[in-house]
Amino acid sequence: MPGQTRSAPDPTGPRPTGLDGFNGMPADEAEHALLACCGSHHWARRVAAHRPYPDLESLLAAADEAAYDLTPGDLAEALACESLTLLPDGAYSAAHTALSAAHAAYESRFGHVFVICLDDTAPEESLDQVLAGIRSRLTNDPDEERILTAEELRRLARGRLTRSFRAAGNCAVS
């Protein structure tokens, strides 16, 4: 009708989601999305550069491969983006104290936060798992601990990628 305005249809159509959306993102957007899964820019660039991925398993395989190649500098960069393990709701103050002391001892020994993937751990067992993990890994030499830390970061990234696709249908978590 005269005098009425219509919005023009989007020439690109609706933006794809899921793996198709991730595959179609500009490289800088894909890298930014991947940094939410692992804080290494080298890792994110490498995973983004191998797009398009035909399926989630291919993406996870590429993420694993990129994680195996993290240099000590890449590992340090990724660890700087990690936060301390949170306690489950309702944990006693003694548990907070024990976990804080364990984290402090670990950081003092290795110079970075303790990371552990708890994807296969029941929530009620997570505190015990974290404390046991820190205590056992405190005895490692720095080279051995760097290898274990890199493996835990790989597992964390893999879990984050998987949850991002399953929960939101898109890896682009912000």
N, C-alpha and C. Protein backbone atom coordinates (compact mmCIF):
# COMPACT_ATOMS: atom_id res chain seq x y z
N MET A 1 0.84 -1.18 0.00
CA MET A 1 0.00 0.00 0.00
C MET A 1 0.88 1.24 0.00
N PRO A 2 0.43 2.29 -0.58
CA PRO A 2 1.20 3.52 -0.57
C PRO A 2 1.37 4.04 0.84
N GLY A 3 2.56 4.56 1.13
CA GLY A 3 2.84 5.13 2.44
C GLY A 3 3.32 4.12 3.46
N GLN A 4 3.22 2.85 3.18
CA GLN A 4 3.70 1.84 4.12
C GLN A 4 5.08 1.37 3.66
N THR A 5 5.89 1.09 4.64
CA THR A 5 7.22 0.58 4.29
C THR A 5 7.29 -0.89 4.64
N ARG A 6 7.96 -1.59 3.82
CA ARG A 6 8.20 -3.02 4.07
C ARG A 6 9.67 -3.22 4.25
N SER A 7 10.00 -4.08 5.16
CA SER A 7 11.42 -4.39 5.29
C SER A 7 11.78 -5.35 4.17
N ALA A 8 12.92 -5.10 3.62
CA ALA A 8 13.39 -5.95 2.53
C ALA A 8 13.77 -7.31 3.09
N PRO A 9 13.49 -8.36 2.36
CA PRO A 9 13.90 -9.68 2.84
C PRO A 9 15.41 -9.76 2.92
N ASP A 10 15.86 -10.54 3.86
CA ASP A 10 17.31 -10.74 4.03
C ASP A 10 17.81 -11.56 2.84
N PRO A 11 18.69 -10.96 2.02
CA PRO A 11 19.14 -11.69 0.82
C PRO A 11 19.94 -12.94 1.14
N THR A 12 20.50 -12.98 2.30
CA THR A 12 21.29 -14.16 2.63
C THR A 12 20.44 -15.25 3.26
N GLY A 13 19.21 -14.93 3.61
CA GLY A 13 18.34 -15.91 4.26
C GLY A 13 18.71 -16.08 5.71
N PRO A 14 18.05 -16.99 6.37
CA PRO A 14 18.38 -17.20 7.79
C PRO A 14 19.80 -17.74 7.94
N ARG A 15 20.44 -17.33 9.00
CA ARG A 15 21.82 -17.75 9.23
C ARG A 15 21.84 -19.20 9.69
N PRO A 16 22.66 -20.03 9.06
CA PRO A 16 22.71 -21.44 9.47
C PRO A 16 23.22 -21.58 10.90
N THR A 17 22.77 -22.62 11.55
CA THR A 17 23.21 -22.89 12.92
C THR A 17 23.97 -24.21 12.94
N GLY A 18 24.38 -24.60 14.12
CA GLY A 18 25.08 -25.86 14.27
C GLY A 18 26.41 -25.86 13.54
N LEU A 19 26.79 -27.01 13.07
CA LEU A 19 28.06 -27.16 12.39
C LEU A 19 28.08 -26.34 11.09
N ASP A 20 26.95 -26.29 10.40
CA ASP A 20 26.90 -25.48 9.17
C ASP A 20 27.17 -24.02 9.49
N GLY A 21 26.59 -23.52 10.57
CA GLY A 21 26.82 -22.13 10.96
C GLY A 21 28.28 -21.89 11.32
N PHE A 22 28.86 -22.82 12.06
CA PHE A 22 30.27 -22.70 12.43
C PHE A 22 31.15 -22.74 11.19
N ASN A 23 30.87 -23.68 10.30
CA ASN A 23 31.66 -23.80 9.07
C ASN A 23 31.58 -22.54 8.21
N GLY A 24 30.43 -21.85 8.25
CA GLY A 24 30.23 -20.68 7.42
C GLY A 24 30.65 -19.36 8.03
N MET A 25 31.06 -19.37 9.29
CA MET A 25 31.47 -18.13 9.95
C MET A 25 32.74 -17.57 9.33
N PRO A 26 32.89 -16.25 9.35
CA PRO A 26 34.20 -15.70 8.99
C PRO A 26 35.26 -16.24 9.96
N ALA A 27 36.49 -16.34 9.50
CA ALA A 27 37.57 -16.95 10.29
C ALA A 27 37.71 -16.31 11.66
N ASP A 28 37.64 -14.98 11.75
CA ASP A 28 37.83 -14.34 13.05
C ASP A 28 36.71 -14.67 14.01
N GLU A 29 35.47 -14.80 13.52
CA GLU A 29 34.35 -15.19 14.38
C GLU A 29 34.51 -16.63 14.86
N ALA A 30 34.93 -17.51 13.95
CA ALA A 30 35.12 -18.91 14.32
C ALA A 30 36.23 -19.04 15.37
N GLU A 31 37.32 -18.31 15.18
CA GLU A 31 38.40 -18.34 16.17
C GLU A 31 37.92 -17.83 17.52
N HIS A 32 37.16 -16.74 17.50
CA HIS A 32 36.64 -16.19 18.76
C HIS A 32 35.75 -17.22 19.47
N ALA A 33 34.88 -17.88 18.71
CA ALA A 33 34.01 -18.91 19.28
C ALA A 33 34.82 -20.05 19.88
N LEU A 34 35.87 -20.45 19.19
CA LEU A 34 36.70 -21.55 19.66
C LEU A 34 37.48 -21.19 20.91
N LEU A 35 37.83 -19.92 21.07
CA LEU A 35 38.57 -19.50 22.27
C LEU A 35 37.76 -19.74 23.55
N ALA A 36 36.45 -19.84 23.43
CA ALA A 36 35.63 -20.18 24.60
C ALA A 36 35.81 -21.64 25.00
N CYS A 37 36.35 -22.44 24.08
CA CYS A 37 36.57 -23.86 24.36
C CYS A 37 38.00 -24.13 24.83
N CYS A 38 38.96 -23.36 24.31
CA CYS A 38 40.36 -23.47 24.70
C CYS A 38 41.01 -22.12 24.41
N GLY A 39 41.68 -21.55 25.40
CA GLY A 39 42.19 -20.19 25.30
C GLY A 39 43.46 -19.99 24.51
N SER A 40 43.90 -20.96 23.76
CA SER A 40 45.09 -20.82 22.93
C SER A 40 44.69 -20.28 21.56
N HIS A 41 45.23 -19.12 21.19
CA HIS A 41 44.95 -18.56 19.87
C HIS A 41 45.47 -19.47 18.76
N HIS A 42 46.62 -20.08 18.97
CA HIS A 42 47.18 -21.00 17.97
C HIS A 42 46.22 -22.16 17.74
N TRP A 43 45.70 -22.73 18.82
CA TRP A 43 44.75 -23.84 18.73
C TRP A 43 43.50 -23.40 17.97
N ALA A 44 42.94 -22.26 18.35
CA ALA A 44 41.71 -21.77 17.73
C ALA A 44 41.91 -21.49 16.24
N ARG A 45 43.04 -20.86 15.88
CA ARG A 45 43.32 -20.59 14.46
C ARG A 45 43.43 -21.88 13.67
N ARG A 46 44.10 -22.84 14.27
CA ARG A 46 44.33 -24.11 13.57
C ARG A 46 43.02 -24.87 13.35
N VAL A 47 42.18 -24.91 14.39
CA VAL A 47 40.90 -25.62 14.26
C VAL A 47 40.00 -24.88 13.26
N ALA A 48 39.96 -23.57 13.34
CA ALA A 48 39.13 -22.78 12.42
C ALA A 48 39.61 -22.93 10.97
N ALA A 49 40.92 -23.02 10.79
CA ALA A 49 41.49 -23.08 9.44
C ALA A 49 41.14 -24.37 8.70
N HIS A 50 40.79 -25.42 9.42
CA HIS A 50 40.51 -26.71 8.77
C HIS A 50 39.03 -26.88 8.42
N ARG A 51 38.24 -25.83 8.58
CA ARG A 51 36.84 -25.92 8.19
C ARG A 51 36.74 -26.01 6.67
N PRO A 52 35.71 -26.58 6.16
CA PRO A 52 34.50 -27.05 6.82
C PRO A 52 34.65 -28.48 7.35
N TYR A 53 33.92 -28.74 8.43
CA TYR A 53 33.91 -30.07 9.02
C TYR A 53 32.62 -30.77 8.63
N PRO A 54 32.70 -32.00 8.16
CA PRO A 54 31.47 -32.69 7.75
C PRO A 54 30.59 -33.13 8.92
N ASP A 55 31.20 -33.31 10.09
CA ASP A 55 30.43 -33.74 11.26
C ASP A 55 31.19 -33.39 12.53
N LEU A 56 30.51 -33.56 13.66
CA LEU A 56 31.10 -33.21 14.96
C LEU A 56 32.35 -34.03 15.24
N GLU A 57 32.35 -35.29 14.88
CA GLU A 57 33.52 -36.13 15.14
C GLU A 57 34.75 -35.61 14.41
N SER A 58 34.57 -35.10 13.21
CA SER A 58 35.71 -34.52 12.47
C SER A 58 36.23 -33.27 13.16
N LEU A 59 35.32 -32.45 13.66
CA LEU A 59 35.73 -31.26 14.41
C LEU A 59 36.49 -31.65 15.66
N LEU A 60 35.98 -32.64 16.39
CA LEU A 60 36.65 -33.09 17.62
C LEU A 60 38.03 -33.68 17.32
N ALA A 61 38.15 -34.41 16.22
CA ALA A 61 39.45 -34.98 15.84
C ALA A 61 40.44 -33.87 15.53
N ALA A 62 39.99 -32.83 14.82
CA ALA A 62 40.88 -31.70 14.51
C ALA A 62 41.26 -30.95 15.79
N ALA A 63 40.31 -30.80 16.70
CA ALA A 63 40.59 -30.13 17.97
C ALA A 63 41.61 -30.92 18.78
N ASP A 64 41.46 -32.24 18.80
CA ASP A 64 42.43 -33.09 19.49
C ASP A 64 43.81 -32.94 18.89
N GLU A 65 43.89 -33.01 17.57
CA GLU A 65 45.19 -32.90 16.90
C GLU A 65 45.86 -31.57 17.21
N ALA A 66 45.08 -30.49 17.17
CA ALA A 66 45.64 -29.17 17.47
C ALA A 66 46.08 -29.10 18.93
N ALA A 67 45.36 -29.74 19.83
CA ALA A 67 45.72 -29.73 21.25
C ALA A 67 47.01 -30.51 21.49
N TYR A 68 47.22 -31.58 20.75
CA TYR A 68 48.44 -32.36 20.93
C TYR A 68 49.68 -31.56 20.53
N ASP A 69 49.49 -30.56 19.69
CA ASP A 69 50.62 -29.76 19.21
C ASP A 69 50.83 -28.46 19.98
N LEU A 70 50.18 -28.29 21.12
CA LEU A 70 50.36 -27.06 21.89
C LEU A 70 51.80 -26.95 22.39
N THR A 71 52.42 -25.82 22.13
CA THR A 71 53.76 -25.56 22.66
C THR A 71 53.62 -25.14 24.12
N PRO A 72 54.72 -25.10 24.86
CA PRO A 72 54.62 -24.59 26.24
C PRO A 72 54.00 -23.18 26.30
N GLY A 73 54.30 -22.33 25.33
CA GLY A 73 53.71 -20.99 25.29
C GLY A 73 52.22 -21.02 25.02
N ASP A 74 51.79 -21.90 24.10
CA ASP A 74 50.37 -22.07 23.81
C ASP A 74 49.63 -22.59 25.04
N LEU A 75 50.26 -23.53 25.72
CA LEU A 75 49.68 -24.10 26.92
C LEU A 75 49.53 -23.04 28.00
N ALA A 76 50.55 -22.21 28.18
CA ALA A 76 50.49 -21.13 29.17
C ALA A 76 49.37 -20.15 28.83
N GLU A 77 49.23 -19.83 27.55
CA GLU A 77 48.17 -18.92 27.13
C GLU A 77 46.80 -19.51 27.43
N ALA A 78 46.60 -20.79 27.14
CA ALA A 78 45.33 -21.45 27.40
C ALA A 78 45.05 -21.52 28.90
N LEU A 79 46.06 -21.84 29.68
CA LEU A 79 45.88 -21.94 31.13
C LEU A 79 45.53 -20.60 31.75
N ALA A 80 46.04 -19.51 31.19
CA ALA A 80 45.74 -18.18 31.72
C ALA A 80 44.25 -17.86 31.58
N CYS A 81 43.56 -18.55 30.68
CA CYS A 81 42.13 -18.31 30.48
C CYS A 81 41.25 -19.21 31.34
N GLU A 82 41.85 -20.17 32.00
CA GLU A 82 41.07 -21.10 32.83
C GLU A 82 40.84 -20.52 34.21
N SER A 83 39.73 -20.92 34.81
CA SER A 83 39.44 -20.47 36.16
C SER A 83 39.52 -21.65 37.11
N LEU A 84 39.53 -21.34 38.39
CA LEU A 84 39.60 -22.39 39.39
C LEU A 84 38.35 -23.25 39.36
N THR A 85 38.50 -24.50 39.73
CA THR A 85 37.38 -25.42 39.80
C THR A 85 36.40 -24.93 40.85
N LEU A 86 35.14 -24.84 40.48
CA LEU A 86 34.12 -24.39 41.42
C LEU A 86 33.61 -25.56 42.25
N LEU A 87 33.26 -25.26 43.48
CA LEU A 87 32.68 -26.27 44.35
C LEU A 87 31.19 -26.40 44.07
N PRO A 88 30.65 -27.58 44.29
CA PRO A 88 29.21 -27.73 44.12
C PRO A 88 28.46 -26.91 45.15
N ASP A 89 27.23 -26.52 44.82
CA ASP A 89 26.41 -25.77 45.77
C ASP A 89 26.27 -26.57 47.06
N GLY A 90 26.29 -25.87 48.17
CA GLY A 90 26.11 -26.51 49.47
C GLY A 90 27.37 -27.10 50.06
N ALA A 91 28.53 -26.89 49.45
CA ALA A 91 29.78 -27.43 49.99
C ALA A 91 30.11 -26.70 51.30
N TYR A 92 30.65 -27.40 52.23
CA TYR A 92 30.99 -26.84 53.53
C TYR A 92 32.16 -25.88 53.42
N SER A 93 32.26 -24.98 54.39
CA SER A 93 33.36 -24.02 54.36
C SER A 93 34.71 -24.72 54.50
N ALA A 94 34.74 -25.85 55.19
CA ALA A 94 35.99 -26.61 55.30
C ALA A 94 36.44 -27.10 53.92
N ALA A 95 35.47 -27.45 53.09
CA ALA A 95 35.80 -27.88 51.73
C ALA A 95 36.37 -26.72 50.94
N HIS A 96 35.79 -25.53 51.12
CA HIS A 96 36.32 -24.34 50.45
C HIS A 96 37.77 -24.08 50.87
N THR A 97 38.03 -24.21 52.15
CA THR A 97 39.37 -23.99 52.68
C THR A 97 40.34 -25.02 52.12
N ALA A 98 39.94 -26.28 52.12
CA ALA A 98 40.81 -27.34 51.62
C ALA A 98 41.10 -27.15 50.14
N LEU A 99 40.08 -26.80 49.36
CA LEU A 99 40.28 -26.61 47.93
C LEU A 99 41.15 -25.38 47.66
N SER A 100 40.92 -24.30 48.39
CA SER A 100 41.74 -23.09 48.22
C SER A 100 43.20 -23.37 48.52
N ALA A 101 43.45 -24.11 49.61
CA ALA A 101 44.83 -24.44 49.99
C ALA A 101 45.48 -25.35 48.94
N ALA A 102 44.73 -26.30 48.43
CA ALA A 102 45.26 -27.21 47.41
C ALA A 102 45.59 -26.45 46.12
N HIS A 103 44.68 -25.58 45.71
CA HIS A 103 44.93 -24.76 44.51
C HIS A 103 46.16 -23.88 44.70
N ALA A 104 46.30 -23.28 45.88
CA ALA A 104 47.45 -22.40 46.14
C ALA A 104 48.75 -23.19 46.08
N ALA A 105 48.75 -24.38 46.66
CA ALA A 105 49.96 -25.21 46.63
C ALA A 105 50.31 -25.60 45.20
N TYR A 106 49.32 -25.94 44.42
CA TYR A 106 49.54 -26.32 43.03
C TYR A 106 50.09 -25.14 42.23
N GLU A 107 49.44 -23.98 42.35
CA GLU A 107 49.90 -22.79 41.62
C GLU A 107 51.31 -22.40 42.02
N SER A 108 51.61 -22.54 43.29
CA SER A 108 52.95 -22.21 43.77
C SER A 108 53.99 -23.14 43.14
N ARG A 109 53.65 -24.40 43.02
CA ARG A 109 54.60 -25.38 42.48
C ARG A 109 54.76 -25.26 40.96
N PHE A 110 53.63 -25.08 40.24
CA PHE A 110 53.68 -25.14 38.77
C PHE A 110 53.47 -23.80 38.08
N GLY A 111 53.03 -22.79 38.79
CA GLY A 111 52.88 -21.46 38.21
C GLY A 111 51.63 -21.23 37.38
N HIS A 112 50.65 -22.11 37.48
CA HIS A 112 49.38 -21.94 36.76
C HIS A 112 48.28 -22.67 37.51
N VAL A 113 47.04 -22.38 37.09
CA VAL A 113 45.90 -23.02 37.75
C VAL A 113 45.89 -24.51 37.45
N PHE A 114 45.27 -25.24 38.35
CA PHE A 114 45.07 -26.66 38.19
C PHE A 114 43.85 -26.87 37.30
N VAL A 115 43.98 -27.70 36.28
CA VAL A 115 42.84 -28.03 35.43
C VAL A 115 42.63 -29.53 35.44
N ILE A 116 41.36 -29.88 35.47
CA ILE A 116 40.97 -31.28 35.42
C ILE A 116 39.61 -31.36 34.74
N CYS A 117 39.43 -32.33 33.90
CA CYS A 117 38.17 -32.53 33.22
C CYS A 117 37.32 -33.46 34.09
N LEU A 118 36.16 -32.97 34.47
CA LEU A 118 35.27 -33.74 35.33
C LEU A 118 34.01 -34.19 34.58
N ASP A 119 34.09 -34.28 33.26
CA ASP A 119 32.92 -34.63 32.46
C ASP A 119 32.30 -35.96 32.84
N ASP A 120 33.08 -36.93 33.23
CA ASP A 120 32.55 -38.25 33.55
C ASP A 120 32.41 -38.47 35.05
N THR A 121 32.42 -37.37 35.81
CA THR A 121 32.35 -37.45 37.27
C THR A 121 31.00 -36.96 37.76
N ALA A 122 30.38 -37.71 38.65
CA ALA A 122 29.10 -37.28 39.23
C ALA A 122 29.34 -36.02 40.06
N PRO A 123 28.41 -35.08 40.04
CA PRO A 123 28.60 -33.81 40.75
C PRO A 123 28.97 -34.00 42.23
N GLU A 124 28.39 -34.97 42.89
CA GLU A 124 28.68 -35.18 44.30
C GLU A 124 30.08 -35.74 44.54
N GLU A 125 30.73 -36.20 43.49
CA GLU A 125 32.10 -36.73 43.60
C GLU A 125 33.16 -35.75 43.11
N SER A 126 32.73 -34.61 42.56
CA SER A 126 33.68 -33.71 41.92
C SER A 126 34.69 -33.11 42.90
N LEU A 127 34.27 -32.72 44.08
CA LEU A 127 35.20 -32.15 45.05
C LEU A 127 36.29 -33.16 45.41
N ASP A 128 35.89 -34.38 45.72
CA ASP A 128 36.88 -35.42 46.05
C ASP A 128 37.82 -35.67 44.88
N GLN A 129 37.28 -35.66 43.67
CA GLN A 129 38.10 -35.90 42.47
C GLN A 129 39.13 -34.79 42.28
N VAL A 130 38.70 -33.52 42.48
CA VAL A 130 39.61 -32.39 42.32
C VAL A 130 40.70 -32.44 43.38
N LEU A 131 40.31 -32.63 44.62
CA LEU A 131 41.31 -32.68 45.70
C LEU A 131 42.29 -33.83 45.51
N ALA A 132 41.78 -34.99 45.15
CA ALA A 132 42.66 -36.14 44.92
C ALA A 132 43.58 -35.88 43.73
N GLY A 133 43.04 -35.26 42.69
CA GLY A 133 43.85 -34.94 41.51
C GLY A 133 44.97 -33.97 41.83
N ILE A 134 44.64 -32.92 42.56
CA ILE A 134 45.68 -31.95 42.92
C ILE A 134 46.75 -32.61 43.78
N ARG A 135 46.32 -33.34 44.78
CA ARG A 135 47.29 -33.98 45.69
C ARG A 135 48.20 -34.95 44.94
N SER A 136 47.64 -35.74 44.05
CA SER A 136 48.48 -36.71 43.34
C SER A 136 49.40 -36.02 42.33
N ARG A 137 48.92 -34.96 41.71
CA ARG A 137 49.73 -34.29 40.68
C ARG A 137 50.77 -33.35 41.27
N LEU A 138 50.63 -32.97 42.53
CA LEU A 138 51.64 -32.13 43.17
C LEU A 138 53.01 -32.83 43.24
N THR A 139 53.02 -34.13 43.17
CA THR A 139 54.29 -34.88 43.25
C THR A 139 54.97 -35.00 41.89
N ASN A 140 54.30 -34.59 40.82
CA ASN A 140 54.86 -34.69 39.47
C ASN A 140 56.01 -33.70 39.28
N ASP A 141 56.94 -34.07 38.40
CA ASP A 141 57.94 -33.08 38.01
C ASP A 141 57.28 -32.16 36.98
N PRO A 142 57.80 -30.96 36.79
CA PRO A 142 57.14 -29.99 35.90
C PRO A 142 56.90 -30.49 34.47
N ASP A 143 57.82 -31.25 33.91
CA ASP A 143 57.62 -31.76 32.55
C ASP A 143 56.47 -32.76 32.49
N GLU A 144 56.41 -33.65 33.46
CA GLU A 144 55.32 -34.62 33.50
C GLU A 144 53.99 -33.91 33.71
N GLU A 145 53.98 -32.90 34.57
CA GLU A 145 52.75 -32.17 34.84
C GLU A 145 52.29 -31.38 33.62
N ARG A 146 53.23 -30.85 32.85
CA ARG A 146 52.87 -30.12 31.63
C ARG A 146 52.14 -31.05 30.67
N ILE A 147 52.59 -32.29 30.56
CA ILE A 147 51.95 -33.27 29.67
C ILE A 147 50.54 -33.59 30.17
N LEU A 148 50.41 -33.81 31.48
CA LEU A 148 49.09 -34.11 32.04
C LEU A 148 48.14 -32.92 31.93
N THR A 149 48.66 -31.72 32.13
CA THR A 149 47.85 -30.52 32.03
C THR A 149 47.36 -30.33 30.60
N ALA A 150 48.23 -30.55 29.63
CA ALA A 150 47.84 -30.43 28.23
C ALA A 150 46.74 -31.45 27.89
N GLU A 151 46.86 -32.64 28.43
CA GLU A 151 45.84 -33.66 28.19
C GLU A 151 44.50 -33.25 28.82
N GLU A 152 44.54 -32.70 30.02
CA GLU A 152 43.30 -32.23 30.66
C GLU A 152 42.68 -31.08 29.87
N LEU A 153 43.50 -30.16 29.37
CA LEU A 153 42.98 -29.07 28.54
C LEU A 153 42.36 -29.62 27.25
N ARG A 154 42.97 -30.62 26.66
CA ARG A 154 42.41 -31.24 25.46
C ARG A 154 41.04 -31.83 25.77
N ARG A 155 40.94 -32.53 26.88
CA ARG A 155 39.67 -33.14 27.28
C ARG A 155 38.62 -32.07 27.59
N LEU A 156 39.04 -30.98 28.24
CA LEU A 156 38.11 -29.88 28.53
C LEU A 156 37.59 -29.27 27.23
N ALA A 157 38.49 -29.01 26.28
CA ALA A 157 38.08 -28.40 25.00
C ALA A 157 37.12 -29.33 24.26
N ARG A 158 37.43 -30.60 24.26
CA ARG A 158 36.57 -31.57 23.59
C ARG A 158 35.17 -31.59 24.20
N GLY A 159 35.11 -31.59 25.52
CA GLY A 159 33.82 -31.56 26.20
C GLY A 159 33.05 -30.28 25.94
N ARG A 160 33.75 -29.15 25.93
CA ARG A 160 33.10 -27.87 25.66
C ARG A 160 32.56 -27.81 24.24
N LEU A 161 33.33 -28.30 23.29
CA LEU A 161 32.84 -28.33 21.90
C LEU A 161 31.60 -29.21 21.80
N THR A 162 31.65 -30.38 22.40
CA THR A 162 30.53 -31.31 22.34
C THR A 162 29.29 -30.71 22.99
N ARG A 163 29.44 -30.13 24.19
CA ARG A 163 28.29 -29.52 24.86
C ARG A 163 27.74 -28.34 24.08
N SER A 164 28.61 -27.58 23.45
CA SER A 164 28.15 -26.43 22.67
C SER A 164 27.26 -26.88 21.53
N PHE A 165 27.62 -27.95 20.85
CA PHE A 165 26.80 -28.42 19.74
C PHE A 165 25.52 -29.07 20.23
N ARG A 166 25.61 -29.82 21.29
CA ARG A 166 24.41 -30.52 21.78
C ARG A 166 23.44 -29.57 22.46
N ALA A 167 23.95 -28.61 23.24
CA ALA A 167 23.06 -27.73 24.00
C ALA A 167 22.45 -26.64 23.12
N ALA A 168 23.29 -25.92 22.39
CA ALA A 168 22.80 -24.78 21.63
C ALA A 168 22.69 -25.07 20.14
N GLY A 169 23.17 -26.21 19.71
CA GLY A 169 23.17 -26.50 18.31
C GLY A 169 24.20 -25.71 17.53
N ASN A 170 25.15 -25.12 18.25
CA ASN A 170 26.14 -24.26 17.59
C ASN A 170 27.37 -24.20 18.46
N CYS A 171 28.52 -24.28 17.85
CA CYS A 171 29.77 -24.18 18.59
C CYS A 171 30.05 -22.76 19.04
N ALA A 172 29.39 -21.81 18.44
CA ALA A 172 29.69 -20.40 18.70
C ALA A 172 29.15 -19.97 20.05
N VAL A 173 29.76 -20.43 21.10
CA VAL A 173 29.38 -20.00 22.43
C VAL A 173 30.04 -18.67 22.70
N SER A 174 29.33 -17.80 23.38
CA SER A 174 29.95 -16.51 23.69
C SER A 174 30.01 -16.30 25.16
